[in-house]
Each structure stands twice: as C-alpha cells, then as structure tokens.
Amino acid sequence: MADEGVQLQSDSGGNGGKWLLVILAIAFAAGTAYGFFDLHTKLNKMAQDQVASSSQIADLTKRMESSEADDETLAKQLGLTKKELAERSEQLQREQKASVARLAAEQAAQQKGINQVSGDLANVKTDVGGVKTDVASTKSELAATEAKLQSTVGDLGVQSGLIANTRQDLEVLKHKGDRNYYEFTLVKGAKPQPVGTVSLQLKKSDEKKGKFTMNVTSDDKTIEKKDRNISEPIQFYSGRDHMLYEIVVWTVNKKQATGYLSTPKGAPVPITTSQTTSQ
C-alpha cells in the first residue's frame, strides 16, 4: 500500500511536469509565432517604405534629369555650355539687381530735379514780375522821351516830322517805324561818305556857334548846305518821285559832325552785298 501511494505521487509529479512543459512549449510557440508575425509585419512595412522611397528617389531623379535636360536644351539653343549658362544666369541676376539699384537712384534724382524745378519756377515767377515792372518803366520812359521830341520847319520851309536831338531820341523814332533812319559821323575834309542812297561831305564846322556846312550829293547832283545849325532839319528832294529827305546834325566839333539821315518808308534803300549776290 505504501508503495502504491509513492507510485501515485510519483506519477502525479511526472504528469504535472509534463503539463508544465506542454504549457511552456505552447507559450514558446505562441511567442515565436507572434515574433514571426511582428517581424513579418515590420518587414512588409519596411518593404513598402523602401518602395515609396524608391519611387520618390526615382521621381526626384526624373525631375533632376528633366531639369538638366531643359538646361542642356536651353544651353544648346543659346550655343552655350551648362557652365556658361549658369554663369550667364548669375550675371543676369547681378545685372537685374544693379538695374533695380540704378532705377531707385534715378527716381531719387528725378525727385530732386522736380524739387529743383519747383524752386526755379518760383524764382521765374519773381523774375517775370520784375520784367513786367521793367517793361512798364521802359514804356513810361519812351513816352516821356517821345513827348520831348519836337516838330519844326526845315530849311526848305516844309514842315518836318519829329526830330531827334540825341541818339536816344533816334532810337525812339526808329521804334515808331514811320521812316527809315541812317546814322552817320562825318569827318571834316574827308571824301563824300555814302549814307543811305546819297553821299554827304562835311566842309566846315564851328563848335562854338553850333554851325556847319556840308555838301549833299543826290541824283548825281551836289547841293551845298551852308551855315546850317545843329538840330535844324536840312531838307532836299531825291529820286524819281521827289521824296522829301531830311538830315539832322545833333553834335558838331572842330573835326566832325554826327547826326542821321531820314527818308520816307517807300524810298529806295542801299544795295547791300547780299542783295547784289542774289541779283
């Protein structure tokens, strides 16, 4: 009986160990299967990631190749190498930056010019105001001078127009534009001097008495105007239409006489070099 009890215990202990081994084997198999499954899952994901990466690399490579092909095509079209094309691109970028800077500088200069012009316009307005004042003053002076001019009877008894006693007075008469005026300075003892379409020659002069004698040559005739006074209209007729010419002498000294010849607007005028050439 005792031996049977020991045998039963021994069988029970052996069966328990067997079940433990079975359980451990099952656990090991399950763990191994899970490990294989997890490893397989990871391997599949890695494979998928590798495929995606390969696809991205292939796409990037394709783009790079396309870009390089475009660069090569453009370079070929321009007759440049890829290196020259890159250098040209960098040069264009530098020129663009320089153009932007130059444009900014030009705009600043233009603004400065606009400001300067605005200031100049203000100065011009001031100058115009001054000119208007000067013109008004000049008109007043001309009116005053014209009022001083006198009309008198010439040595032929013909009423003369306004006569000038100074060069300033003569400028006023020229401005009126009623007649032609020719200034002269005659030297005593010199040859006859052409003045307008006639010739004048100073024969005598008396500074103290303000008198003089001159010869007037017109229409191939010479007339002596003897002992005439300064500011006295010396009159004579000239031309086919017998137009009235006048001579006024405003200064006389021992050696010369100064004055002007006055002729009607329709009277002949001297033939100049340009007129002779045109004929």
Protein backbone atom coordinates (compact mmCIF):
# COMPACT_ATOMS: atom_id res chain seq x y z
CA MET A 1 0.00 0.00 0.00
CA ALA A 2 2.75 2.32 0.89
CA ASP A 3 4.48 1.53 -2.35
CA GLU A 4 1.33 2.29 -4.33
CA GLY A 5 1.00 5.70 -2.64
CA VAL A 6 4.52 6.51 -3.54
CA GLN A 7 3.89 5.40 -7.06
CA LEU A 8 0.80 7.59 -7.37
CA GLN A 9 2.67 10.63 -6.07
CA SER A 10 5.46 9.91 -8.46
CA ASP A 11 3.02 9.67 -11.39
CA SER A 12 1.25 12.84 -10.34
CA GLY A 13 4.53 14.72 -10.11
CA GLY A 14 5.53 13.42 -13.51
CA ASN A 15 2.22 14.41 -15.12
CA GLY A 16 2.48 17.94 -13.63
CA GLY A 17 5.94 18.38 -15.10
CA LYS A 18 4.73 17.20 -18.45
CA TRP A 19 1.86 19.71 -18.46
CA LEU A 20 4.23 22.46 -17.44
CA LEU A 21 6.46 21.55 -20.33
CA VAL A 22 3.48 21.49 -22.66
CA ILE A 23 2.36 24.90 -21.44
CA LEU A 24 5.84 26.29 -21.82
CA ALA A 25 6.10 24.80 -25.28
CA ILE A 26 2.76 26.30 -26.25
CA ALA A 27 3.81 29.69 -24.82
CA PHE A 28 7.11 29.50 -26.63
CA ALA A 29 5.37 28.56 -29.86
CA ALA A 30 2.86 31.39 -29.42
CA GLY A 31 5.63 33.85 -28.64
CA THR A 32 7.63 32.63 -31.55
CA ALA A 33 4.61 32.88 -33.84
CA TYR A 34 3.89 36.45 -32.65
CA GLY A 35 7.50 37.32 -33.09
CA PHE A 36 7.45 35.92 -36.61
CA PHE A 37 4.18 37.82 -37.29
CA ASP A 38 5.51 41.09 -35.89
CA LEU A 39 8.75 40.65 -37.78
CA HIS A 40 6.80 39.86 -40.93
CA THR A 41 4.66 42.99 -40.42
CA LYS A 42 7.74 45.13 -39.89
CA LEU A 43 9.41 43.60 -42.91
CA ASN A 44 6.31 44.35 -45.02
CA LYS A 45 6.25 47.99 -43.77
CA MET A 46 9.94 48.33 -44.43
CA ALA A 47 9.41 46.94 -47.88
CA GLN A 48 6.56 49.39 -48.51
CA ASP A 49 8.65 52.28 -47.18
CA GLN A 50 11.51 51.18 -49.37
CA VAL A 51 9.19 51.06 -52.40
CA ALA A 52 7.87 54.57 -51.55
CA SER A 53 11.42 55.87 -51.05
CA SER A 54 12.49 54.27 -54.29
CA SER A 55 9.52 55.91 -56.01
CA GLN A 56 10.39 59.32 -54.52
CA ILE A 57 14.04 58.85 -55.48
CA ALA A 58 13.01 57.84 -58.97
CA ASP A 59 10.69 60.89 -59.24
CA LEU A 60 13.38 63.22 -57.92
CA THR A 61 15.90 61.67 -60.27
CA LYS A 62 13.46 62.11 -63.14
CA ARG A 63 12.92 65.76 -62.24
CA MET A 64 16.63 66.36 -61.95
CA GLU A 65 17.20 64.66 -65.25
CA SER A 66 14.38 66.75 -66.78
CA SER A 67 15.84 69.92 -65.33
CA GLU A 68 19.27 69.01 -66.58
CA ALA A 69 17.77 68.14 -69.93
CA ASP A 70 15.99 71.51 -70.01
CA ASP A 71 19.23 73.24 -69.08
CA GLU A 72 21.08 71.32 -71.74
CA THR A 73 18.36 72.11 -74.30
CA LEU A 74 18.42 75.79 -73.40
CA ALA A 75 22.19 75.80 -73.43
CA LYS A 76 22.23 74.17 -76.86
CA GLN A 77 19.68 76.71 -78.13
CA LEU A 78 21.84 79.57 -76.87
CA GLY A 79 25.04 77.95 -78.08
CA LEU A 80 26.40 77.74 -74.52
CA THR A 81 27.67 75.02 -72.23
CA LYS A 82 25.86 74.25 -68.98
CA LYS A 83 28.63 76.02 -67.08
CA GLU A 84 28.40 79.08 -69.32
CA LEU A 85 24.61 79.03 -68.94
CA ALA A 86 24.94 79.01 -65.14
CA GLU A 87 27.47 81.85 -65.28
CA ARG A 88 25.19 83.79 -67.62
CA SER A 89 22.26 83.25 -65.24
CA GLU A 90 24.30 84.58 -62.33
CA GLN A 91 25.38 87.56 -64.44
CA LEU A 92 21.75 88.32 -65.36
CA GLN A 93 20.79 88.22 -61.70
CA ARG A 94 23.61 90.64 -60.85
CA GLU A 95 22.54 92.95 -63.70
CA GLN A 96 18.95 92.81 -62.51
CA LYS A 97 19.99 93.83 -59.01
CA ALA A 98 22.14 96.62 -60.47
CA SER A 99 19.23 97.79 -62.63
CA VAL A 100 16.94 97.92 -59.61
CA ALA A 101 19.52 99.95 -57.70
CA ARG A 102 20.07 102.27 -60.68
CA LEU A 103 16.31 102.77 -61.10
CA ALA A 104 15.99 103.68 -57.45
CA ALA A 105 18.85 106.18 -57.80
CA GLU A 106 17.26 107.69 -60.94
CA GLN A 107 13.92 108.05 -59.19
CA ALA A 108 15.65 109.81 -56.31
CA ALA A 109 17.46 112.09 -58.77
CA GLN A 110 14.20 112.81 -60.61
CA GLN A 111 12.51 113.73 -57.38
CA LYS A 112 15.42 116.01 -56.56
CA GLY A 113 15.11 117.55 -60.05
CA ILE A 114 11.38 118.07 -59.55
CA ASN A 115 12.05 119.85 -56.30
CA GLN A 116 14.73 121.97 -58.01
CA VAL A 117 12.38 122.85 -60.88
CA SER A 118 9.70 123.85 -58.41
CA GLY A 119 12.17 126.20 -56.78
CA ASP A 120 13.26 127.55 -60.18
CA LEU A 121 9.64 128.15 -61.17
CA ALA A 122 9.15 130.18 -58.04
CA ASN A 123 12.24 132.24 -58.96
CA VAL A 124 10.98 132.62 -62.54
CA LYS A 125 7.69 133.98 -61.27
CA THR A 126 9.64 136.53 -59.27
CA ASP A 127 11.79 137.39 -62.32
CA VAL A 128 8.69 137.73 -64.53
CA GLY A 129 7.24 140.15 -62.05
CA GLY A 130 10.47 142.16 -62.21
CA VAL A 131 10.46 142.09 -66.02
CA LYS A 132 6.89 143.35 -66.11
CA THR A 133 7.93 146.21 -63.88
CA ASP A 134 10.94 146.95 -66.12
CA VAL A 135 8.76 146.89 -69.26
CA ALA A 136 6.28 149.26 -67.70
CA SER A 137 9.13 151.56 -66.69
CA THR A 138 10.62 151.42 -70.20
CA LYS A 139 7.26 152.28 -71.75
CA SER A 140 6.97 155.25 -69.43
CA GLU A 141 10.47 156.41 -70.37
CA LEU A 142 9.72 156.06 -74.10
CA ALA A 143 6.52 158.03 -73.69
CA ALA A 144 8.37 160.77 -71.81
CA THR A 145 11.15 160.89 -74.43
CA GLU A 146 8.64 160.99 -77.30
CA ALA A 147 6.89 163.90 -75.63
CA LYS A 148 10.20 165.81 -75.66
CA LEU A 149 10.69 165.34 -79.41
CA GLN A 150 9.79 168.37 -81.41
CA SER A 151 8.48 169.06 -84.87
CA THR A 152 9.82 172.04 -86.80
CA VAL A 153 10.09 173.57 -90.28
CA GLY A 154 13.09 172.58 -92.38
CA ASP A 155 15.39 174.78 -94.41
CA LEU A 156 13.07 174.35 -97.44
CA GLY A 157 10.16 175.71 -95.45
CA VAL A 158 8.47 172.29 -95.28
CA GLN A 159 7.00 171.10 -92.00
CA SER A 160 9.27 168.40 -90.66
CA GLY A 161 8.24 165.42 -88.65
CA LEU A 162 9.60 164.68 -85.21
CA ILE A 163 13.37 165.21 -84.99
CA ALA A 164 15.91 163.58 -82.70
CA ASN A 165 18.46 165.62 -80.78
CA THR A 166 20.31 162.63 -79.33
CA ARG A 167 20.95 159.00 -80.18
CA GLN A 168 18.39 158.02 -77.53
CA ASP A 169 15.81 160.19 -79.27
CA LEU A 170 16.71 158.50 -82.57
CA GLU A 171 16.04 155.06 -81.06
CA VAL A 172 12.56 156.22 -80.15
CA LEU A 173 11.94 157.40 -83.73
CA LYS A 174 13.22 154.06 -85.08
CA HIS A 175 10.85 152.28 -82.75
CA LYS A 176 7.92 154.23 -84.15
CA GLY A 177 8.77 152.88 -87.59
CA ASP A 178 7.38 155.84 -89.58
CA ARG A 179 10.56 156.46 -91.62
CA ASN A 180 13.98 154.98 -92.43
CA TYR A 181 16.92 156.28 -90.39
CA TYR A 182 20.67 156.15 -91.17
CA GLU A 183 23.19 157.40 -88.60
CA PHE A 184 26.46 158.98 -89.70
CA THR A 185 29.63 160.63 -88.43
CA LEU A 186 31.28 162.92 -90.98
CA VAL A 187 34.95 163.89 -90.71
CA LYS A 188 35.83 167.37 -91.94
CA GLY A 189 37.91 167.33 -95.10
CA ALA A 190 37.23 163.66 -95.88
CA LYS A 191 35.78 162.40 -99.16
CA PRO A 192 31.98 162.22 -99.60
CA GLN A 193 30.58 159.41 -97.42
CA PRO A 194 27.69 157.19 -98.59
CA VAL A 195 24.71 157.47 -96.25
CA GLY A 196 21.60 155.62 -97.37
CA THR A 197 21.32 156.26 -101.13
CA VAL A 198 23.03 159.67 -101.02
CA SER A 199 26.51 160.97 -100.18
CA LEU A 200 27.42 163.58 -97.54
CA GLN A 201 30.60 165.58 -97.07
CA LEU A 202 31.44 167.90 -94.15
CA LYS A 203 33.12 171.06 -95.46
CA LYS A 204 33.21 173.35 -92.40
CA SER A 205 32.29 173.13 -88.69
CA ASP A 206 32.05 175.75 -85.92
CA GLU A 207 31.72 174.17 -82.50
CA LYS A 208 31.20 177.47 -80.66
CA LYS A 209 28.36 178.63 -82.85
CA GLY A 210 26.98 175.15 -83.47
CA LYS A 211 27.10 175.66 -87.23
CA PHE A 212 28.38 173.61 -90.15
CA THR A 213 28.48 173.45 -93.95
CA MET A 214 28.02 170.20 -95.86
CA ASN A 215 27.62 169.04 -99.45
CA VAL A 216 24.72 166.70 -100.28
CA THR A 217 25.04 164.57 -103.42
CA SER A 218 21.79 163.04 -104.67
CA ASP A 219 20.65 162.02 -108.16
CA ASP A 220 24.12 162.92 -109.47
CA LYS A 221 23.73 166.49 -108.21
CA THR A 222 25.62 168.15 -105.37
CA ILE A 223 23.89 170.76 -103.20
CA GLU A 224 25.77 172.89 -100.67
CA LYS A 225 24.00 173.38 -97.34
CA LYS A 226 25.89 176.35 -95.94
CA ASP A 227 25.97 177.62 -92.34
CA ARG A 228 23.30 175.29 -91.04
CA ASN A 229 22.55 174.92 -87.32
CA ILE A 230 22.57 171.76 -85.25
CA SER A 231 19.07 170.23 -84.78
CA GLU A 232 17.90 172.09 -87.90
CA PRO A 233 16.21 169.76 -90.45
CA ILE A 234 18.14 170.01 -93.72
CA GLN A 235 15.70 169.09 -96.47
CA PHE A 236 16.09 168.03 -100.09
CA TYR A 237 14.17 166.01 -102.68
CA SER A 238 15.55 162.80 -104.15
CA GLY A 239 14.51 160.10 -106.57
CA ARG A 240 12.07 159.98 -109.49
CA ASP A 241 9.16 160.55 -107.09
CA HIS A 242 10.88 163.57 -105.50
CA MET A 243 10.59 162.22 -101.99
CA LEU A 244 11.49 164.53 -99.12
CA TYR A 245 14.75 163.57 -97.37
CA GLU A 246 15.89 165.20 -94.12
CA ILE A 247 19.28 165.49 -92.41
CA VAL A 248 19.62 166.36 -88.73
CA VAL A 249 23.03 167.01 -87.12
CA TRP A 250 22.99 166.91 -83.33
CA THR A 251 26.71 167.39 -82.48
CA VAL A 252 29.49 169.43 -84.11
CA ASN A 253 33.10 169.89 -83.12
CA LYS A 254 36.24 171.08 -84.89
CA LYS A 255 36.78 167.83 -86.77
CA GLN A 256 33.44 166.10 -87.25
CA ALA A 257 29.66 166.20 -87.20
CA THR A 258 27.26 163.49 -86.02
CA GLY A 259 23.61 163.01 -86.93
CA TYR A 260 21.24 161.00 -89.12
CA LEU A 261 19.51 160.89 -92.49
CA SER A 262 15.74 160.35 -92.55
CA THR A 263 13.92 159.02 -95.64
CA PRO A 264 10.28 158.07 -96.33
CA LYS A 265 9.28 154.41 -95.90
CA GLY A 266 8.83 153.94 -99.63
CA ALA A 267 12.19 155.49 -100.56
CA PRO A 268 14.95 153.37 -102.16
CA VAL A 269 17.29 151.61 -99.76
CA PRO A 270 21.04 151.00 -100.15
CA ILE A 271 22.04 147.86 -102.11
CA THR A 272 23.79 145.50 -99.70
CA THR A 273 26.29 142.79 -100.55
CA SER A 274 23.65 140.09 -100.02
CA GLN A 275 21.23 141.88 -102.36
CA THR A 276 23.95 142.18 -105.06
CA THR A 277 24.73 138.46 -104.75
CA SER A 278 21.06 137.47 -105.03
CA GLN A 279 20.72 139.51 -108.21
